[in-house]
Protein backbone atom coordinates (compact mmCIF):
# COMPACT_ATOMS: atom_id res chain seq x y z
CA MET A 1 -152.81 -128.58 64.99
CA PRO A 2 -151.73 -125.81 62.88
CA ARG A 3 -150.16 -123.91 65.28
CA LEU A 4 -147.91 -126.97 66.16
CA ASP A 5 -147.13 -126.98 62.82
CA VAL A 6 -145.87 -123.79 62.15
CA THR A 7 -143.94 -123.65 65.25
CA GLN A 8 -142.60 -126.92 63.47
CA ARG A 9 -141.13 -125.44 60.43
CA TRP A 10 -140.01 -122.52 62.50
CA ARG A 11 -138.16 -124.62 64.31
CA ASP A 12 -136.79 -126.75 61.31
CA ARG A 13 -135.77 -123.47 59.49
CA THR A 14 -133.96 -122.09 62.02
CA THR A 15 -132.10 -125.14 62.90
CA SER A 16 -131.29 -125.31 58.74
CA PHE A 17 -130.05 -121.98 59.09
CA CYS A 18 -127.75 -122.01 62.04
CA SER A 19 -126.57 -125.66 60.55
CA ARG A 20 -125.98 -123.57 57.12
CA ARG A 21 -121.34 -124.79 56.66
CA ILE A 22 -119.16 -121.81 56.38
CA THR A 23 -115.70 -121.82 55.72
CA PRO A 24 -112.74 -120.74 57.40
CA PHE A 25 -112.33 -117.62 56.43
CA TRP A 26 -115.88 -116.28 57.02
CA CYS A 27 -115.28 -117.89 60.42
CA TRP A 28 -112.39 -115.16 61.07
CA VAL A 29 -114.25 -112.47 59.80
CA SER A 30 -117.02 -113.57 62.61
CA TRP A 31 -114.67 -113.90 65.16
CA PHE A 32 -113.27 -109.74 64.22
CA CYS A 33 -116.51 -108.24 63.33
CA SER A 34 -117.47 -109.36 66.79
CA ALA A 35 -114.50 -108.72 68.63
CA ILE A 36 -114.75 -104.66 66.94
CA LEU A 37 -118.41 -104.78 68.23
CA PHE A 38 -117.22 -106.08 71.47
CA VAL A 39 -115.29 -103.05 72.11
CA VAL A 40 -117.23 -100.83 70.14
CA ILE A 41 -120.22 -101.06 73.17
CA VAL A 42 -117.55 -100.90 75.82
CA GLN A 43 -116.85 -97.72 74.16
CA LEU A 44 -119.81 -96.39 73.17
CA LEU A 45 -121.10 -96.99 76.72
CA GLY A 46 -117.94 -95.05 78.20
CA GLY A 47 -115.64 -98.17 79.14
CA PRO A 48 -113.69 -99.61 80.08
CA THR A 49 -114.35 -98.79 83.29
CA PHE A 50 -112.75 -97.51 86.58
CA ASN A 51 -115.09 -99.24 88.62
CA ASP A 52 -113.24 -101.82 91.05
CA ALA A 53 -110.09 -101.88 88.76
CA GLU A 54 -107.86 -101.42 91.43
CA VAL A 55 -108.48 -104.72 92.09
CA SER A 56 -105.56 -105.79 89.37
CA PHE A 57 -104.53 -102.24 88.06
CA TYR A 58 -101.95 -101.45 90.42
CA ALA A 59 -100.88 -105.17 89.81
CA THR A 60 -100.69 -104.64 86.16
CA LEU A 61 -98.35 -101.79 86.38
CA ALA A 62 -96.20 -103.50 88.94
CA ILE A 63 -95.61 -106.96 86.82
CA ALA A 64 -95.64 -104.76 83.86
CA HIS A 65 -92.18 -102.80 85.05
CA GLY A 66 -90.23 -105.81 86.74
CA ASN A 67 -91.48 -104.96 90.31
CA ILE A 68 -93.38 -108.22 91.36
CA ALA A 69 -92.47 -107.88 95.07
CA CYS A 70 -95.25 -104.86 95.21
CA ALA A 71 -98.07 -106.10 93.17
CA TYR A 72 -99.72 -107.57 96.05
CA PRO A 73 -99.37 -104.46 98.69
CA PRO A 74 -99.99 -105.49 102.10
CA ASN A 75 -102.18 -102.74 103.06
CA PHE A 76 -104.53 -103.16 99.60
CA ASP A 77 -107.12 -104.71 101.94
CA SER A 78 -107.72 -102.34 104.62
CA ILE A 79 -107.59 -99.30 101.91
CA TYR A 80 -110.37 -100.29 99.76
CA GLN A 81 -112.20 -102.97 101.77
CA ILE A 82 -112.36 -105.48 99.02
CA PRO A 83 -109.24 -108.15 98.38
CA LEU A 84 -106.64 -108.06 94.81
CA THR A 85 -107.57 -110.10 92.38
CA ALA A 86 -106.40 -113.56 91.73
CA PRO A 87 -103.06 -113.95 89.99
CA VAL A 88 -103.79 -114.85 86.41
CA TYR A 89 -105.02 -111.68 85.22
CA PRO A 90 -102.63 -109.72 86.65
CA LEU A 91 -99.62 -111.88 85.43
CA LEU A 92 -101.50 -111.73 81.50
CA SER A 93 -102.19 -107.56 81.74
CA GLY A 94 -98.43 -107.04 82.99
CA GLY A 95 -97.18 -109.05 80.66
CA LEU A 96 -99.52 -107.63 77.85
CA ALA A 97 -98.62 -104.03 79.53
CA ALA A 98 -94.72 -104.93 78.96
CA LEU A 99 -94.87 -105.92 76.02
CA ALA A 100 -96.73 -102.84 74.62
CA ARG A 101 -94.13 -100.63 76.97
CA VAL A 102 -96.73 -99.01 78.47
CA GLY A 103 -95.76 -95.97 80.40
CA HIS A 104 -91.83 -96.90 79.95
CA ASN A 105 -91.59 -93.21 79.46
CA PHE A 106 -91.90 -92.51 82.95
CA PRO A 107 -89.68 -93.84 85.89
CA PHE A 108 -91.77 -96.50 87.36
CA PRO A 109 -91.33 -95.53 91.47
CA SER A 110 -88.41 -96.66 92.51
CA ALA A 111 -87.62 -99.76 95.88
CA SER A 112 -87.42 -97.13 98.14
CA VAL A 113 -90.08 -95.16 97.20
CA MET A 114 -92.61 -98.03 97.35
CA GLY A 115 -91.28 -98.82 100.94
CA ARG A 116 -90.33 -101.71 102.94
CA HIS A 117 -92.42 -104.83 102.01
CA CYS A 118 -94.28 -102.65 100.04
CA VAL A 119 -96.12 -100.98 102.62
CA ASN A 120 -96.32 -97.60 100.24
CA ALA A 121 -96.80 -99.18 96.87
CA LEU A 122 -99.91 -97.73 96.08
CA GLY A 123 -99.76 -93.67 96.58
CA PRO A 124 -96.48 -93.39 93.98
CA ILE A 125 -98.01 -96.12 91.55
CA GLU A 126 -101.43 -94.26 91.35
CA THR A 127 -99.35 -90.89 91.31
CA TRP A 128 -97.26 -92.04 88.57
CA SER A 129 -100.35 -93.63 86.87
CA ASP A 130 -101.86 -90.40 86.32
CA HIS A 131 -98.99 -89.63 83.56
CA ARG A 132 -101.01 -88.72 80.07
CA GLY A 133 -102.49 -92.25 78.94
CA ILE A 134 -101.06 -94.71 80.94
CA SER A 135 -104.04 -95.62 82.70
CA GLN A 136 -106.20 -95.61 79.80
CA GLN A 137 -104.30 -98.21 78.15
CA THR A 138 -103.61 -100.25 81.22
CA LEU A 139 -107.59 -100.70 81.48
CA GLU A 140 -107.41 -101.18 78.07
CA ILE A 141 -105.70 -104.38 78.09
CA GLY A 142 -109.04 -105.58 79.54
CA TYR A 143 -110.43 -106.23 75.71
CA VAL A 144 -107.81 -109.09 75.48
CA SER A 145 -110.58 -111.41 77.57
CA TRP A 146 -112.67 -111.12 74.98
CA ILE A 147 -110.30 -113.50 72.99
CA VAL A 148 -110.04 -116.28 75.68
CA LEU A 149 -114.46 -115.54 76.11
CA ALA A 150 -114.62 -115.89 72.19
CA SER A 151 -112.06 -118.49 72.01
CA GLY A 152 -113.24 -121.31 74.20
CA CYS A 153 -117.25 -120.73 73.15
CA VAL A 154 -116.22 -121.81 69.46
CA GLY A 155 -113.82 -124.52 71.25
CA LEU A 156 -116.81 -125.77 72.44
CA LEU A 157 -118.93 -125.88 69.72
CA ARG A 158 -116.88 -127.60 67.67
CA ALA A 159 -116.04 -130.57 70.26
CA PHE A 160 -119.51 -130.86 70.11
CA GLY A 161 -119.57 -131.17 66.36
CA LYS A 162 -121.42 -127.64 65.45
CA GLY A 163 -118.28 -125.82 64.64
CA LEU A 164 -117.92 -123.88 61.09
CA SER A 165 -121.58 -123.18 60.97
CA ALA A 166 -123.63 -120.21 61.16
CA ARG A 167 -123.76 -120.94 65.05
CA GLU A 168 -120.12 -119.24 65.19
CA PRO A 169 -120.81 -116.30 64.52
CA LEU A 170 -124.18 -116.47 65.76
CA ALA A 171 -123.04 -117.48 69.02
CA LEU A 172 -120.33 -114.42 69.26
CA PHE A 173 -122.37 -111.84 68.57
CA ALA A 174 -125.12 -112.90 71.17
CA LEU A 175 -122.08 -112.41 73.54
CA ALA A 176 -121.41 -109.29 72.51
CA LEU A 177 -124.90 -108.15 73.02
CA CYS A 178 -125.39 -109.92 76.06
CA PRO A 179 -125.79 -107.57 78.85
CA PRO A 180 -123.62 -109.06 81.66
CA VAL A 181 -121.06 -109.27 79.19
CA PHE A 182 -120.27 -106.36 78.53
CA ALA A 183 -120.88 -104.95 82.57
CA GLY A 184 -117.75 -107.07 82.71
CA LEU A 185 -115.81 -104.27 81.27
CA GLU A 186 -118.38 -100.87 80.82
CA GLN A 187 -120.47 -100.81 84.19
CA TYR A 188 -117.35 -102.57 86.63
CA PHE A 189 -113.85 -103.81 85.40
CA HIS A 190 -113.70 -107.49 85.95
CA PRO A 191 -112.08 -108.63 82.45
CA GLN A 192 -110.98 -111.61 84.78
CA ASP A 193 -114.55 -113.25 85.03
CA LEU A 194 -114.29 -113.37 81.21
CA ILE A 195 -110.83 -114.87 81.37
CA ALA A 196 -112.50 -117.67 83.87
CA ILE A 197 -115.83 -118.46 81.92
CA GLY A 198 -113.73 -118.75 78.65
CA LEU A 199 -111.25 -120.86 80.36
CA CYS A 200 -114.29 -123.01 81.68
CA LEU A 201 -115.60 -122.86 78.59
CA TRP A 202 -112.33 -124.55 76.92
CA ALA A 203 -112.42 -126.70 79.78
CA LEU A 204 -115.66 -128.30 78.51
CA ALA A 205 -114.55 -129.32 75.52
CA ALA A 206 -111.62 -131.13 76.97
CA LEU A 207 -113.90 -133.10 78.56
CA LEU A 208 -115.96 -133.79 75.55
CA LYS A 209 -112.78 -134.52 73.55
CA GLU A 210 -111.07 -136.87 76.62
CA ARG A 211 -107.91 -134.95 76.94
CA TRP A 212 -107.52 -135.04 80.23
CA ALA A 213 -104.39 -133.29 81.86
CA TRP A 214 -105.16 -129.66 79.22
CA LEU A 215 -109.05 -130.50 81.32
CA GLY A 216 -106.86 -130.32 84.75
CA VAL A 217 -104.47 -127.49 83.62
CA LEU A 218 -107.35 -125.52 82.11
CA LEU A 219 -109.14 -125.90 84.82
CA GLY A 220 -106.43 -125.27 87.40
CA ILE A 221 -105.52 -121.05 85.43
CA ALA A 222 -109.63 -120.88 85.24
CA PHE A 223 -109.54 -121.10 88.94
CA PHE A 224 -106.49 -118.67 89.63
CA SER A 225 -107.81 -116.00 87.34
CA GLN A 226 -111.71 -116.03 89.38
CA GLN A 227 -112.84 -118.91 91.59
CA PHE A 228 -116.01 -119.05 90.52
CA SER A 229 -114.69 -121.33 88.59
CA ILE A 230 -114.74 -123.91 90.99
CA LEU A 231 -118.54 -124.84 90.55
CA VAL A 232 -117.67 -125.58 87.24
CA ALA A 233 -114.75 -127.31 88.12
CA LEU A 234 -115.97 -129.77 90.96
CA PRO A 235 -118.63 -131.26 88.17
CA LEU A 236 -116.06 -131.59 85.71
CA LEU A 237 -113.74 -133.60 87.72
CA LEU A 238 -116.60 -135.66 88.72
CA LEU A 239 -117.58 -136.90 85.63
CA VAL A 240 -113.76 -137.49 84.65
CA PRO A 241 -114.00 -141.68 84.41
CA SER A 242 -112.16 -142.89 87.31
CA ARG A 243 -108.87 -144.18 85.30
CA HIS A 244 -108.81 -140.79 83.89
CA LYS A 245 -108.92 -138.90 87.22
CA VAL A 246 -105.46 -139.15 88.41
CA THR A 247 -104.11 -137.52 84.86
CA ALA A 248 -106.57 -134.83 85.55
CA LEU A 249 -106.06 -134.07 89.25
CA SER A 250 -102.04 -133.83 88.42
CA ALA A 251 -102.29 -131.41 85.65
CA LEU A 252 -104.44 -129.29 87.64
CA VAL A 253 -102.36 -129.47 90.79
CA VAL A 254 -99.06 -128.57 88.92
CA THR A 255 -100.58 -125.73 87.18
CA ALA A 256 -101.42 -124.24 91.06
CA ILE A 257 -97.76 -125.04 91.83
CA VAL A 258 -96.56 -123.06 88.44
CA ILE A 259 -98.76 -120.13 89.22
CA VAL A 260 -99.13 -120.20 93.20
CA VAL A 261 -95.44 -120.93 94.24
CA PRO A 262 -93.34 -118.43 92.66
CA LEU A 263 -95.93 -115.22 93.21
CA ALA A 264 -96.32 -116.22 96.72
CA ILE A 265 -92.29 -116.21 97.04
CA LEU A 266 -91.85 -113.24 95.67
CA THR A 267 -94.96 -111.45 97.21
CA ASP A 268 -93.63 -112.84 100.75
CA GLY A 269 -97.10 -115.16 100.72
CA ARG A 270 -98.94 -111.95 99.94
CA SER A 271 -100.71 -113.22 97.08
CA LEU A 272 -101.88 -116.97 98.53
CA ALA A 273 -105.29 -115.23 100.12
CA SER A 274 -106.19 -113.60 96.73
CA SER A 275 -105.13 -116.87 94.99
CA PHE A 276 -107.13 -119.10 97.20
CA ILE A 277 -109.45 -117.36 98.77
CA GLY A 278 -110.75 -114.08 97.14
CA THR A 279 -113.81 -112.30 99.12
CA ALA A 280 -115.19 -115.64 100.68
CA LEU A 281 -114.12 -114.55 103.42
CA TYR A 282 -115.79 -110.90 103.49
CA PRO A 283 -118.94 -110.24 105.34
CA GLU A 284 -122.45 -110.04 104.41
CA THR A 285 -123.60 -106.39 103.34
CA PRO A 286 -126.10 -104.27 105.47
CA GLY A 287 -129.46 -104.97 103.18
CA ASP A 288 -128.58 -107.88 101.40
CA LEU A 289 -130.61 -111.13 101.64
CA LEU A 290 -128.66 -112.87 104.68
CA TRP A 291 -128.15 -109.72 106.48
CA GLU A 292 -132.35 -109.66 106.40
CA LEU A 293 -132.48 -113.05 107.95
CA HIS A 294 -130.39 -112.12 110.85
CA VAL A 295 -127.29 -115.04 109.29
CA GLY A 296 -124.10 -114.20 111.26
CA ASN A 297 -120.57 -113.29 109.53
CA THR A 298 -119.21 -116.52 110.12
CA VAL A 299 -122.27 -118.65 109.08
CA ALA A 300 -122.67 -116.04 106.03
CA ALA A 301 -119.58 -116.35 105.10
CA GLY A 302 -119.89 -120.35 105.18
CA LEU A 303 -123.06 -120.39 103.41
CA GLU A 304 -122.07 -118.11 100.67
CA ARG A 305 -118.95 -120.15 99.51
CA LEU A 306 -119.61 -123.58 100.64
CA CYS A 307 -123.36 -124.32 99.91
CA PRO A 308 -122.89 -123.77 96.58
CA ILE A 309 -119.94 -125.81 96.24
CA VAL A 310 -121.78 -128.97 98.22
CA GLY A 311 -124.88 -127.83 96.01
CA SER A 312 -123.02 -128.32 92.48
CA VAL A 313 -121.35 -132.06 93.81
CA LEU A 314 -124.53 -133.21 94.70
CA LEU A 315 -126.43 -132.33 92.08
CA THR A 316 -123.40 -133.17 89.58
CA LEU A 317 -123.83 -136.88 91.36
CA TRP A 318 -127.60 -136.82 90.91
CA ALA A 319 -127.10 -136.32 87.01
CA LYS A 320 -124.91 -138.90 86.99
CA ARG A 321 -126.84 -141.34 88.41
CA ARG A 322 -130.14 -140.15 86.55
CA PHE A 323 -128.62 -139.84 83.13
CA LEU A 324 -125.79 -141.90 82.81
CA ASP A 325 -123.71 -141.18 79.67
CA ALA A 326 -126.14 -139.13 78.55
CA VAL A 327 -125.24 -136.51 80.71
CA LEU A 328 -122.32 -135.74 78.25
CA GLU A 329 -125.41 -134.63 75.92
CA SER A 330 -125.08 -130.38 75.00
CA ALA A 331 -128.28 -129.93 77.12
CA THR A 332 -127.77 -131.92 80.06
CA LEU A 333 -124.42 -130.94 80.74
CA LEU A 334 -124.59 -127.37 80.09
CA SER A 335 -127.37 -127.42 82.00
CA LEU A 336 -125.67 -129.04 84.83
CA VAL A 337 -122.58 -126.20 84.59
CA ALA A 338 -125.10 -122.97 84.24
CA THR A 339 -127.33 -124.46 87.31
CA ALA A 340 -123.92 -124.96 89.33
CA LEU A 341 -123.02 -121.25 88.46
CA SER A 342 -126.25 -120.36 89.19
CA LEU A 343 -126.15 -121.58 93.03
CA ARG A 344 -123.24 -119.01 93.56
CA LEU A 345 -125.54 -116.41 93.29
CA VAL A 346 -129.06 -117.74 95.43
CA PHE A 347 -126.41 -117.22 98.46
CA GLU A 348 -124.14 -114.10 97.43
CA GLU A 349 -123.85 -111.31 99.93
CA ARG A 350 -125.41 -108.99 96.94
CA VAL A 351 -125.26 -109.11 93.47
CA TRP A 352 -124.54 -106.86 90.61
CA ALA A 353 -125.12 -107.56 86.42
CA TYR A 354 -122.12 -108.83 85.80
CA TYR A 355 -122.03 -111.71 88.49
CA PHE A 356 -124.65 -112.96 85.94
CA LEU A 357 -121.86 -113.19 83.71
CA ALA A 358 -120.63 -116.56 83.49
CA GLY A 359 -124.34 -118.16 84.24
CA ALA A 360 -124.87 -115.93 80.89
CA VAL A 361 -122.54 -117.17 78.95
CA VAL A 362 -123.38 -121.09 79.38
CA LEU A 363 -126.94 -120.20 78.33
CA VAL A 364 -126.22 -118.80 75.09
CA VAL A 365 -123.80 -121.28 74.03
CA ARG A 366 -126.44 -123.68 75.37
CA TYR A 367 -129.63 -121.97 73.37
CA VAL A 368 -127.55 -121.79 70.24
CA LEU A 369 -126.18 -125.77 70.25
CA GLU A 370 -130.58 -126.07 70.21
CA SER A 371 -130.94 -123.43 67.46
CA ARG A 372 -133.90 -121.52 68.95
CA VAL A 373 -134.28 -118.65 70.30
CA SER A 374 -135.29 -118.19 74.09
CA VAL A 375 -138.62 -115.51 74.80
CA ALA A 376 -137.53 -116.62 78.45
CA PHE A 377 -134.23 -115.58 78.27
CA LEU A 378 -134.40 -112.49 76.20
CA GLY A 379 -136.86 -111.14 79.28
CA TRP A 380 -134.88 -111.93 81.92
CA LEU A 381 -131.86 -110.17 80.04
CA VAL A 382 -134.89 -106.95 79.93
CA VAL A 383 -135.11 -107.60 83.96
CA LEU A 384 -131.46 -107.26 84.49
CA ILE A 385 -131.00 -104.35 82.57
CA VAL A 386 -133.99 -102.41 84.54
CA VAL A 387 -132.54 -103.63 88.38
CA PHE A 388 -129.15 -103.18 87.49
CA ASN A 389 -128.70 -101.03 84.03
CA PRO A 390 -125.62 -102.17 83.18
CA ILE A 391 -125.86 -99.96 79.72
CA SER A 392 -124.89 -96.81 81.11
CA GLN A 393 -122.22 -95.75 83.89
CA TRP A 394 -124.12 -92.38 84.34
CA ALA A 395 -127.08 -93.68 85.96
CA ASP A 396 -128.41 -96.22 88.55
CA GLY A 397 -131.35 -99.24 87.80
CA LEU A 398 -134.65 -99.02 90.07
CA GLN A 399 -132.56 -98.40 93.67
CA LEU A 400 -133.91 -101.63 94.45
CA SER A 401 -132.71 -102.80 98.24
CA GLN A 402 -130.17 -105.78 97.63
CA TRP A 403 -131.95 -108.61 98.87
CA ALA A 404 -135.13 -107.46 96.69
CA GLU A 405 -132.14 -107.30 93.93
CA GLN A 406 -131.83 -111.07 94.59
CA VAL A 407 -134.85 -112.15 95.12
CA ILE A 408 -135.78 -110.31 91.55
CA THR A 409 -133.34 -111.64 89.16
CA VAL A 410 -131.41 -114.39 90.71
CA PRO A 411 -134.74 -117.12 90.66
CA PRO A 412 -135.42 -116.73 87.06
CA LEU A 413 -131.76 -117.83 86.24
CA VAL A 414 -132.07 -120.59 88.61
CA MET A 415 -134.99 -121.86 86.51
CA LEU A 416 -133.40 -121.21 83.25
CA SER A 417 -130.65 -123.00 83.68
CA ALA A 418 -132.04 -126.68 85.30
CA ALA A 419 -135.15 -126.48 83.16
CA PRO A 420 -133.18 -129.04 80.63
CA LEU A 421 -132.67 -131.33 84.13
CA PHE A 422 -136.29 -131.44 84.87
CA VAL A 423 -137.44 -131.69 81.35
CA GLY A 424 -135.02 -134.67 81.22
CA VAL A 425 -136.07 -136.50 84.69
CA ARG A 426 -139.68 -135.88 83.33
CA ALA A 427 -138.21 -138.37 80.27
CA GLY A 428 -136.88 -141.23 82.26
CA PRO A 429 -133.01 -142.31 82.42
CA ARG A 430 -131.65 -143.32 79.75
CA ALA A 431 -130.27 -147.03 79.28
CA GLU A 432 -126.95 -146.62 78.45
CA PRO A 433 -124.69 -147.99 80.37
CA ALA A 434 -122.11 -145.62 82.54
CA ARG A 435 -118.57 -145.09 82.13
CA TYR A 436 -117.91 -143.97 85.33
């Protein structure tokens, strides 16, 4: 009994501290300081890195200098063995690079040098970017992804009625210190992942505030930033009341048309695969879990992409039936989203530290809303650091086989994500009528 009393007092004090109101001024100060902390961490660890930067680097510079046709060169996949990224980040970073006049002191390669249909674009752009500071300035634009992530976090906290309190700075500083988050710029350059999960948080806020058109718009932009957003989009669309589904879906379709169609026309359709498919058709890597299970390439591609999607839909339908209106409570909703995102890693061809970014962000927001520190979550982060070592570009982790990395790191994330759902099942269904 004394131990229970101490635990309860600790929880009460933690909740009281997290619930302390702060003025908008100090909110702004905390946002600024957390952004500085994030930038300092990435810089101290040697980033933003050039690893994987090519998937957005060439498109950014081509768009910034008005040669949108060469943003998606036809031979990129064959040279780098990976696809170019979805269009949202290149369009955003290209626009910012143009405003900042990155590289405008040097003549950009002409269309004749690029070749017909931009078949020779990669070499000239790479040579041109070697001029002083251009490459580094282009990579530093990736820091804008933090703004999207941080604003999405704050927007969701306020949608739950927990904003303008100590929870805001706590959440932002926790995200800045979270290894999978800064690994998205420091270890491998994937600012589009930070943008996508930030937009997903904004979409969650739109769902809670019943802004159905904004929900569709945000989900559309998130998907065309990074396709894993479909694992959030489908559950949220299923949670939209039936009478408002047309509004949300119409907004999503219009957003897709606005983003995809003009770029597809300007690039002769070369941007379509990156917009909708990404890496979905790429075979499994020798040594990964599916390879060890002797699964063929075609079956592996289906398992990697279709199983998480089907799983997220089935999980949402089950949660709607089990929890009724209570599915929109913070613990249940965020658990549903985090579990859907973690399903991707169960069937992924292999995993890297930044792959855990989306799930880790949702868990951080959930724990902040619950005003508690999860020892299990902190322990899992330590495991990630040991296995992948995202805190250094010059040293590797444990050098385990690819399938072993998945077995060690993915199941704990799934369990942490799904824990509130299991607790809710044990407590039994709620009695409130459903709105769906």
